C-alpha atoms as a PDB file:
ATOM      1  CA  LEU A   1     102.537  96.262  96.886  1.00  0.00           C
ATOM      2  CA  VAL A   2     101.255  99.804  96.346  1.00  0.00           C
ATOM      3  CA  GLN A   3     103.197 101.579  93.590  1.00  0.00           C
ATOM      4  CA  GLY A   4     101.409 104.906  93.673  1.00  0.00           C
ATOM      5  CA  PHE A   5      98.121 106.776  93.856  1.00  0.00           C
ATOM      6  CA  LEU A   6      96.041 106.886  90.668  1.00  0.00           C
ATOM      7  CA  GLY A   7      93.191 109.054  91.893  1.00  0.00           C
ATOM      8  CA  SER A   8      89.803 108.849  93.522  1.00  0.00           C
ATOM      9  CA  GLY A   9      86.220 108.523  92.392  1.00  0.00           C
ATOM     10  CA  TRP A  10      82.781 107.806  93.749  1.00  0.00           C
ATOM     11  CA  THR A  11      83.818 104.289  94.783  1.00  0.00           C
ATOM     12  CA  GLY A  12      86.835 105.548  96.737  1.00  0.00           C
ATOM     13  CA  ARG A  13      90.591 105.701  96.306  1.00  0.00           C
ATOM     14  CA  VAL A  14      92.377 103.982  93.411  1.00  0.00           C
ATOM     15  CA  PHE A  15      95.967 102.806  93.686  1.00  0.00           C
ATOM     16  CA  ASP A  16      98.574 101.542  91.256  1.00  0.00           C
ATOM     17  CA  TYR A  17      99.149  98.090  92.746  1.00  0.00           C
ATOM     18  CA  LEU A  18     101.485  95.196  91.986  1.00  0.00           C
ATOM     19  CA  MET A  19     100.011  91.753  92.638  1.00  0.00           C
ATOM     20  CA  SER A  20     102.119  88.972  94.180  1.00  0.00           C
ATOM     21  CA  ASP A  21     102.624  87.400  90.733  1.00  0.00           C
ATOM     22  CA  GLY A  22     103.821  90.708  89.287  1.00  0.00           C
ATOM     23  CA  THR A  23     100.572  91.619  87.545  1.00  0.00           C
ATOM     24  CA  PRO A  24      99.942  95.412  87.519  1.00  0.00           C
ATOM     25  CA  ALA A  25      96.537  96.246  88.968  1.00  0.00           C
ATOM     26  CA  ALA A  26      94.248  99.169  89.580  1.00  0.00           C
ATOM     27  CA  LEU A  27      93.186  98.706  93.209  1.00  0.00           C
ATOM     28  CA  LYS A  28      90.027 100.409  94.459  1.00  0.00           C
ATOM     29  CA  VAL A  29      89.585 100.761  98.230  1.00  0.00           C
ATOM     30  CA  ALA A  30      86.416 101.629 100.158  1.00  0.00           C
ATOM     31  CA  GLN A  31      85.180 101.600 103.747  1.00  0.00           C
ATOM     32  CA  PRO A  32      83.296  98.428 104.816  1.00  0.00           C
ATOM     33  CA  GLY A  33      79.562  98.888 105.071  1.00  0.00           C
ATOM     34  CA  SER A  34      79.562 101.947 102.815  1.00  0.00           C
ATOM     35  CA  GLY A  35      77.691 102.429  99.569  1.00  0.00           C
ATOM     36  CA  GLN A  36      81.049 102.440  97.830  1.00  0.00           C
ATOM     37  CA  ALA A  37      81.829  98.976  99.228  1.00  0.00           C
ATOM     38  CA  VAL A  38      78.532  97.674  97.881  1.00  0.00           C
ATOM     39  CA  ALA A  39      79.378  99.176  94.485  1.00  0.00           C
ATOM     40  CA  LEU A  40      82.727  97.360  94.459  1.00  0.00           C
ATOM     41  CA  SER A  41      80.986  94.074  95.228  1.00  0.00           C
ATOM     42  CA  ILE A  42      78.536  94.680  92.381  1.00  0.00           C
ATOM     43  CA  GLU A  43      81.377  95.507  89.986  1.00  0.00           C
ATOM     44  CA  ALA A  44      83.130  92.256  90.913  1.00  0.00           C
ATOM     45  CA  SER A  45      79.977  90.245  90.193  1.00  0.00           C
ATOM     46  CA  VAL A  46      79.572  91.919  86.814  1.00  0.00           C
ATOM     47  CA  LEU A  47      83.191  91.241  85.882  1.00  0.00           C
ATOM     48  CA  LEU A  48      82.737  87.574  86.737  1.00  0.00           C
ATOM     49  CA  ALA A  49      79.740  87.502  84.388  1.00  0.00           C
ATOM     50  CA  LEU A  50      82.043  88.947  81.710  1.00  0.00           C
ATOM     51  CA  ARG A  51      84.882  86.520  82.348  1.00  0.00           C
ATOM     52  CA  SER A  52      84.982  85.316  78.736  1.00  0.00           C
ATOM     53  CA  ARG A  53      85.670  88.902  77.613  1.00  0.00           C
ATOM     54  CA  TRP A  54      88.683  89.566  79.855  1.00  0.00           C
ATOM     55  CA  GLY A  55      91.547  90.859  77.780  1.00  0.00           C
ATOM     56  CA  ASN A  56      89.225  91.761  74.909  1.00  0.00           C
ATOM     57  CA  GLY A  57      88.050  95.225  75.820  1.00  0.00           C
ATOM     58  CA  VAL A  58      87.304  94.257  79.439  1.00  0.00           C
ATOM     59  CA  ALA A  59      90.032  94.310  82.109  1.00  0.00           C
ATOM     60  CA  GLY A  60      90.148  91.075  84.103  1.00  0.00           C
ATOM     61  CA  LEU A  61      89.179  90.790  87.753  1.00  0.00           C
ATOM     62  CA  LEU A  62      92.153  89.922  89.969  1.00  0.00           C
ATOM     63  CA  ALA A  63      90.697  90.098  93.478  1.00  0.00           C
ATOM     64  CA  SER A  64      87.734  91.477  95.392  1.00  0.00           C
ATOM     65  CA  GLY A  65      86.459  91.514  98.951  1.00  0.00           C
ATOM     66  CA  THR A  66      87.930  92.401 102.342  1.00  0.00           C
ATOM     67  CA  GLY A  67      91.472  93.774 102.366  1.00  0.00           C
ATOM     68  CA  LYS A  68      94.163  91.938 104.297  1.00  0.00           C
ATOM     69  CA  ASP A  69      93.981  94.566 107.043  1.00  0.00           C
ATOM     70  CA  GLY A  70      90.348  93.591 107.633  1.00  0.00           C
ATOM     71  CA  HIS A  71      89.300  97.240 107.657  1.00  0.00           C
ATOM     72  CA  SER A  72      88.742  97.929 103.960  1.00  0.00           C
ATOM     73  CA  CYS A  73      86.914  96.572 100.947  1.00  0.00           C
ATOM     74  CA  VAL A  74      88.919  96.260  97.778  1.00  0.00           C
ATOM     75  CA  LEU A  75      88.588  95.532  94.081  1.00  0.00           C
ATOM     76  CA  ALA A  76      91.629  94.801  91.920  1.00  0.00           C
ATOM     77  CA  VAL A  77      91.459  94.677  88.132  1.00  0.00           C
ATOM     78  CA  GLU A  78      94.203  94.401  85.556  1.00  0.00           C
ATOM     79  CA  ARG A  79      95.721  97.775  84.893  1.00  0.00           C
ATOM     80  CA  ILE A  80      95.888  98.732  81.224  1.00  0.00           C
ATOM     81  CA  PRO A  81      99.372 100.108  80.455  1.00  0.00           C
ATOM     82  CA  ASN A  82      99.897 103.158  78.250  1.00  0.00           C
ATOM     83  CA  SER A  83      96.232 104.073  78.456  1.00  0.00           C
ATOM     84  CA  ARG A  84      94.256 107.271  78.890  1.00  0.00           C
ATOM     85  CA  ARG A  85      90.628 108.226  78.979  1.00  0.00           C
ATOM     86  CA  LEU A  86      88.736 108.637  75.719  1.00  0.00           C
ATOM     87  CA  GLU A  87      89.102 111.855  73.738  1.00  0.00           C
ATOM     88  CA  PRO A  88      86.223 111.783  71.208  1.00  0.00           C
ATOM     89  CA  SER A  89      87.764 114.555  69.106  1.00  0.00           C
ATOM     90  CA  SER A  90      90.858 112.470  68.336  1.00  0.00           C
ATOM     91  CA  ASP A  91      89.713 108.896  68.954  1.00  0.00           C
ATOM     92  CA  GLU A  92      87.141 108.412  66.202  1.00  0.00           C
ATOM     93  CA  ASP A  93      89.258 105.495  65.001  1.00  0.00           C
ATOM     94  CA  VAL A  94      88.269 103.384  68.040  1.00  0.00           C
ATOM     95  CA  LEU A  95      84.544 103.827  67.465  1.00  0.00           C
ATOM     96  CA  GLN A  96      84.198 100.583  65.522  1.00  0.00           C
ATOM     97  CA  GLN A  97      86.133  98.787  68.267  1.00  0.00           C
ATOM     98  CA  LEU A  98      83.777 100.155  70.899  1.00  0.00           C
ATOM     99  CA  LYS A  99      80.829  98.916  68.874  1.00  0.00           C
ATOM    100  CA  LEU A 100      82.276  95.396  68.696  1.00  0.00           C
ATOM    101  CA  VAL A 101      83.195  95.354  72.404  1.00  0.00           C
ATOM    102  CA  LEU A 102      79.688  96.435  73.338  1.00  0.00           C
ATOM    103  CA  GLU A 103      78.134  93.790  71.117  1.00  0.00           C
ATOM    104  CA  ALA A 104      80.251  91.117  72.797  1.00  0.00           C
ATOM    105  CA  VAL A 105      79.325  92.419  76.261  1.00  0.00           C
ATOM    106  CA  HIS A 106      75.649  92.477  75.306  1.00  0.00           C
ATOM    107  CA  ILE A 107      75.835  88.860  74.124  1.00  0.00           C
ATOM    108  CA  CYS A 108      76.727  88.089  77.748  1.00  0.00           C
ATOM    109  CA  ASP A 109      73.463  89.840  78.711  1.00  0.00           C
ATOM    110  CA  VAL A 110      75.318  92.678  80.434  1.00  0.00           C
ATOM    111  CA  ALA A 111      74.801  96.388  79.789  1.00  0.00           C
ATOM    112  CA  HIS A 112      77.346  98.907  81.087  1.00  0.00           C
ATOM    113  CA  MET A 113      74.827 101.689  81.835  1.00  0.00           C
ATOM    114  CA  ASN A 114      77.441 104.341  82.654  1.00  0.00           C
ATOM    115  CA  LEU A 115      79.521 104.897  79.532  1.00  0.00           C
ATOM    116  CA  SER A 116      81.465 108.141  79.754  1.00  0.00           C
ATOM    117  CA  ARG A 117      84.920 109.396  78.795  1.00  0.00           C
ATOM    118  CA  GLU A 118      86.172 108.333  82.234  1.00  0.00           C
ATOM    119  CA  ASN A 119      84.927 104.763  81.762  1.00  0.00           C
ATOM    120  CA  ILE A 120      86.430 104.229  78.308  1.00  0.00           C
ATOM    121  CA  LEU A 121      90.190 103.820  78.127  1.00  0.00           C
ATOM    122  CA  VAL A 122      92.234 104.076  74.957  1.00  0.00           C
ATOM    123  CA  GLN A 123      95.481 102.113  75.013  1.00  0.00           C
ATOM    124  CA  GLN A 124      98.373 103.039  72.754  1.00  0.00           C
ATOM    125  CA  LEU A 125      99.936  99.825  71.421  1.00  0.00           C
ATOM    126  CA  PRO A 126     103.633  99.446  70.446  1.00  0.00           C
ATOM    127  CA  ASN A 127     102.737  99.245  66.738  1.00  0.00           C
ATOM    128  CA  GLY A 128     101.047 102.645  66.918  1.00  0.00           C
ATOM    129  CA  SER A 129      97.470 101.387  66.875  1.00  0.00           C
ATOM    130  CA  LYS A 130      94.880 101.892  69.597  1.00  0.00           C
ATOM    131  CA  LYS A 131      92.773  99.524  71.665  1.00  0.00           C
ATOM    132  CA  ALA A 132      89.555 100.471  73.471  1.00  0.00           C
ATOM    133  CA  TRP A 133      88.693  99.199  76.951  1.00  0.00           C
ATOM    134  CA  LEU A 134      85.581  99.549  79.106  1.00  0.00           C
ATOM    135  CA  ILE A 135      85.980 100.055  82.856  1.00  0.00           C
ATOM    136  CA  GLY A 136      83.771 101.112  85.786  1.00  0.00           C
ATOM    137  CA  TRP A 137      81.049  98.442  85.924  1.00  0.00           C
ATOM    138  CA  MET A 138      79.383  99.377  89.233  1.00  0.00           C
ATOM    139  CA  TYR A 139      76.171 100.547  87.528  1.00  0.00           C
ATOM    140  CA  ALA A 140      75.992  97.680  85.043  1.00  0.00           C
ATOM    141  CA  ALA A 141      72.868  95.613  84.487  1.00  0.00           C
ATOM    142  CA  VAL A 142      73.107  91.818  84.401  1.00  0.00           C
ATOM    143  CA  GLN A 143      70.385  90.031  82.419  1.00  0.00           C
ATOM    144  CA  ALA A 144      70.045  93.367  80.675  1.00  0.00           C
ATOM    145  CA  THR A 145      67.025  94.246  78.577  1.00  0.00           C
ATOM    146  CA  GLN A 146      67.240  95.149  74.920  1.00  0.00           C
ATOM    147  CA  GLN A 147      66.453  98.753  75.855  1.00  0.00           C
ATOM    148  CA  GLN A 148      69.391  98.883  78.279  1.00  0.00           C
ATOM    149  CA  LYS A 149      71.721  97.531  75.595  1.00  0.00           C
ATOM    150  CA  GLN A 150      70.482 100.143  73.145  1.00  0.00           C
ATOM    151  CA  GLN A 151      71.067 102.860  75.740  1.00  0.00           C
ATOM    152  CA  ASP A 152      74.726 101.824  75.936  1.00  0.00           C
ATOM    153  CA  TRP A 153      75.237 102.486  72.233  1.00  0.00           C
ATOM    154  CA  GLN A 154      73.247 105.708  72.408  1.00  0.00           C
ATOM    155  CA  ARG A 155      75.612 106.953  75.127  1.00  0.00           C
ATOM    156  CA  VAL A 156      78.612 106.179  72.928  1.00  0.00           C
ATOM    157  CA  GLN A 157      76.968 107.989  70.023  1.00  0.00           C
ATOM    158  CA  ALA A 158      76.345 110.995  72.274  1.00  0.00           C
ATOM    159  CA  LEU A 159      80.034 111.090  73.262  1.00  0.00           C
ATOM    160  CA  PHE A 160      81.133 111.307  69.636  1.00  0.00           C
ATOM    161  CA  GLY A 161      78.233 113.520  68.553  1.00  0.00           C
ATOM    162  CA  ALA A 162      78.226 114.379  64.846  1.00  0.00           C
ATOM    163  CA  LYS A 163      81.391 112.322  64.348  1.00  0.00           C
ATOM    164  CA  CYS A 164      79.467 109.151  65.054  1.00  0.00           C
ATOM    165  CA  ALA A 165      78.555 107.841  61.614  1.00  0.00           C
ATOM    166  CA  ILE A 166      78.172 104.163  62.525  1.00  0.00           C
ATOM    167  CA  ARG A 167      74.641 102.933  63.044  1.00  0.00           C
ATOM    168  CA  SER A 168      73.866 100.692  65.991  1.00  0.00           C
ATOM    169  CA  ARG A 169      73.649  96.968  65.294  1.00  0.00           C
ATOM    170  CA  ILE A 170      72.304  95.513  68.538  1.00  0.00           C
ATOM    171  CA  VAL A 171      72.250  91.725  68.640  1.00  0.00           C
ATOM    172  CA  GLN A 172      68.668  90.475  68.848  1.00  0.00           C
ATOM    173  CA  GLY A 173      68.156  87.508  71.115  1.00  0.00           C
ATOM    174  CA  SER A 174      65.581  85.950  68.816  1.00  0.00           C
ATOM    175  CA  SER A 175      67.743  86.163  65.708  1.00  0.00           C
ATOM    176  CA  THR A 176      71.223  85.386  66.935  1.00  0.00           C
ATOM    177  CA  SER A 177      73.521  83.487  64.624  1.00  0.00           C
ATOM    178  CA  THR A 178      75.461  80.353  65.405  1.00  0.00           C
ATOM    179  CA  ARG A 179      78.418  82.620  66.192  1.00  0.00           C
ATOM    180  CA  THR A 180      76.323  84.505  68.735  1.00  0.00           C
ATOM    181  CA  THR A 181      75.164  81.269  70.363  1.00  0.00           C
ATOM    182  CA  ARG A 182      78.738  80.094  70.734  1.00  0.00           C
ATOM    183  CA  SER A 183      79.774  83.429  72.206  1.00  0.00           C
ATOM    184  CA  SER A 184      76.885  83.371  74.659  1.00  0.00           C
ATOM    185  CA  SER A 185      77.847  79.909  75.823  1.00  0.00           C
ATOM    186  CA  SER A 186      81.396  81.066  76.406  1.00  0.00           C
ATOM    187  CA  CYS A 187      80.152  83.689  78.864  1.00  0.00           C
ATOM    188  CA  SER A 188      79.167  80.966  81.321  1.00  0.00           C
ATOM    189  CA  ARG A 189      82.342  78.900  81.142  1.00  0.00           C
ATOM    190  CA  ALA A 190      84.339  78.567  84.347  1.00  0.00           C
ATOM    191  CA  ALA A 191      87.649  78.919  82.526  1.00  0.00           C
ATOM    192  CA  VAL A 192      88.689  81.267  79.769  1.00  0.00           C
ATOM    193  CA  LYS A 193      90.501  79.821  76.770  1.00  0.00           C
ATOM    194  CA  GLY A 194      93.937  81.273  76.337  1.00  0.00           C
ATOM    195  CA  ARG A 195      94.417  82.460  79.939  1.00  0.00           C
ATOM    196  CA  ASN A 196      97.053  80.642  81.964  1.00  0.00           C
ATOM    197  CA  ARG A 197      96.185  82.353  85.225  1.00  0.00           C
ATOM    198  CA  GLU A 198      92.831  81.708  86.904  1.00  0.00           C
ATOM    199  CA  THR A 199      91.219  84.162  89.278  1.00  0.00           C
ATOM    200  CA  LYS A 200      90.794  82.745  92.764  1.00  0.00           C
ATOM    201  CA  CYS A 201      86.990  82.868  92.929  1.00  0.00           C
ATOM    202  CA  MET A 202      86.274  81.478  96.392  1.00  0.00           C
ATOM    203  CA  TRP A 203      83.305  83.451  97.640  1.00  0.00           C
ATOM    204  CA  ARG A 204      81.897  83.467 101.144  1.00  0.00           C
ATOM    205  CA  PRO A 205      79.651  85.933 103.027  1.00  0.00           C
ATOM    206  CA  GLY A 206      81.405  88.941 104.430  1.00  0.00           C
ATOM    207  CA  GLN A 207      80.958  92.541 105.455  1.00  0.00           C
ATOM    208  CA  CYS A 208      81.601  93.709 101.897  1.00  0.00           C
ATOM    209  CA  GLY A 209      78.852  91.512 100.487  1.00  0.00           C
ATOM    210  CA  ALA A 210      81.272  88.817  99.326  1.00  0.00           C
ATOM    211  CA  VAL A 211      84.901  87.999  99.878  1.00  0.00           C
ATOM    212  CA  LEU A 212      87.363  86.730  97.321  1.00  0.00           C
ATOM    213  CA  ARG A 213      90.505  85.186  98.752  1.00  0.00           C
ATOM    214  CA  HIS A 214      93.346  87.433  97.730  1.00  0.00           C
ATOM    215  CA  PRO A 215      96.472  86.247  95.925  1.00  0.00           C
ATOM    216  CA  TRP A 216      98.516  88.353  98.366  1.00  0.00           C
ATOM    217  CA  GLN A 217      97.029  86.636 101.458  1.00  0.00           C
END
């Protein structure tokens, strides 16, 4: 059920959407066969690769593929409540969080490749603290190189400019700790510990590149 219009971007229109189980979602809609539809399919694939990180700086994938009308391609991710785009001048306190989120993403061999204020959300929590989230994965690299991972952190540093006093600590594949190995293994698990709801990942060929059966169908 569409609740409202959130805006539009390169990948198309974005709606405030309520899933059948009551989960708030950000729903992106694009025309089938368009470059935007391909981008949505790519973003869905990247989010599946990051499944172990859902809820920890990465919004979970809820549905992707052909819309129920058959004339649109859609991508639904969990909507982050009480969030806004990054303001580097007042959000220096989330810089360490961003560093840790990026490290965890990089352990999954994914690099975002398009980090900007628009693709970093800052959520205001009830206790007054903040939580950083990464969104907009259509340009991400899977099986990313060390250089691509370093570029992610360099982009974050550029956003904060002189305020960025934390040095990059990119995880090296040849010197990962036992903790890193465990985290890497978790990226390939089919289920995520601590999540009661599983995404319906039933892929088949379709005009949008791949179709995920929708919870609302």
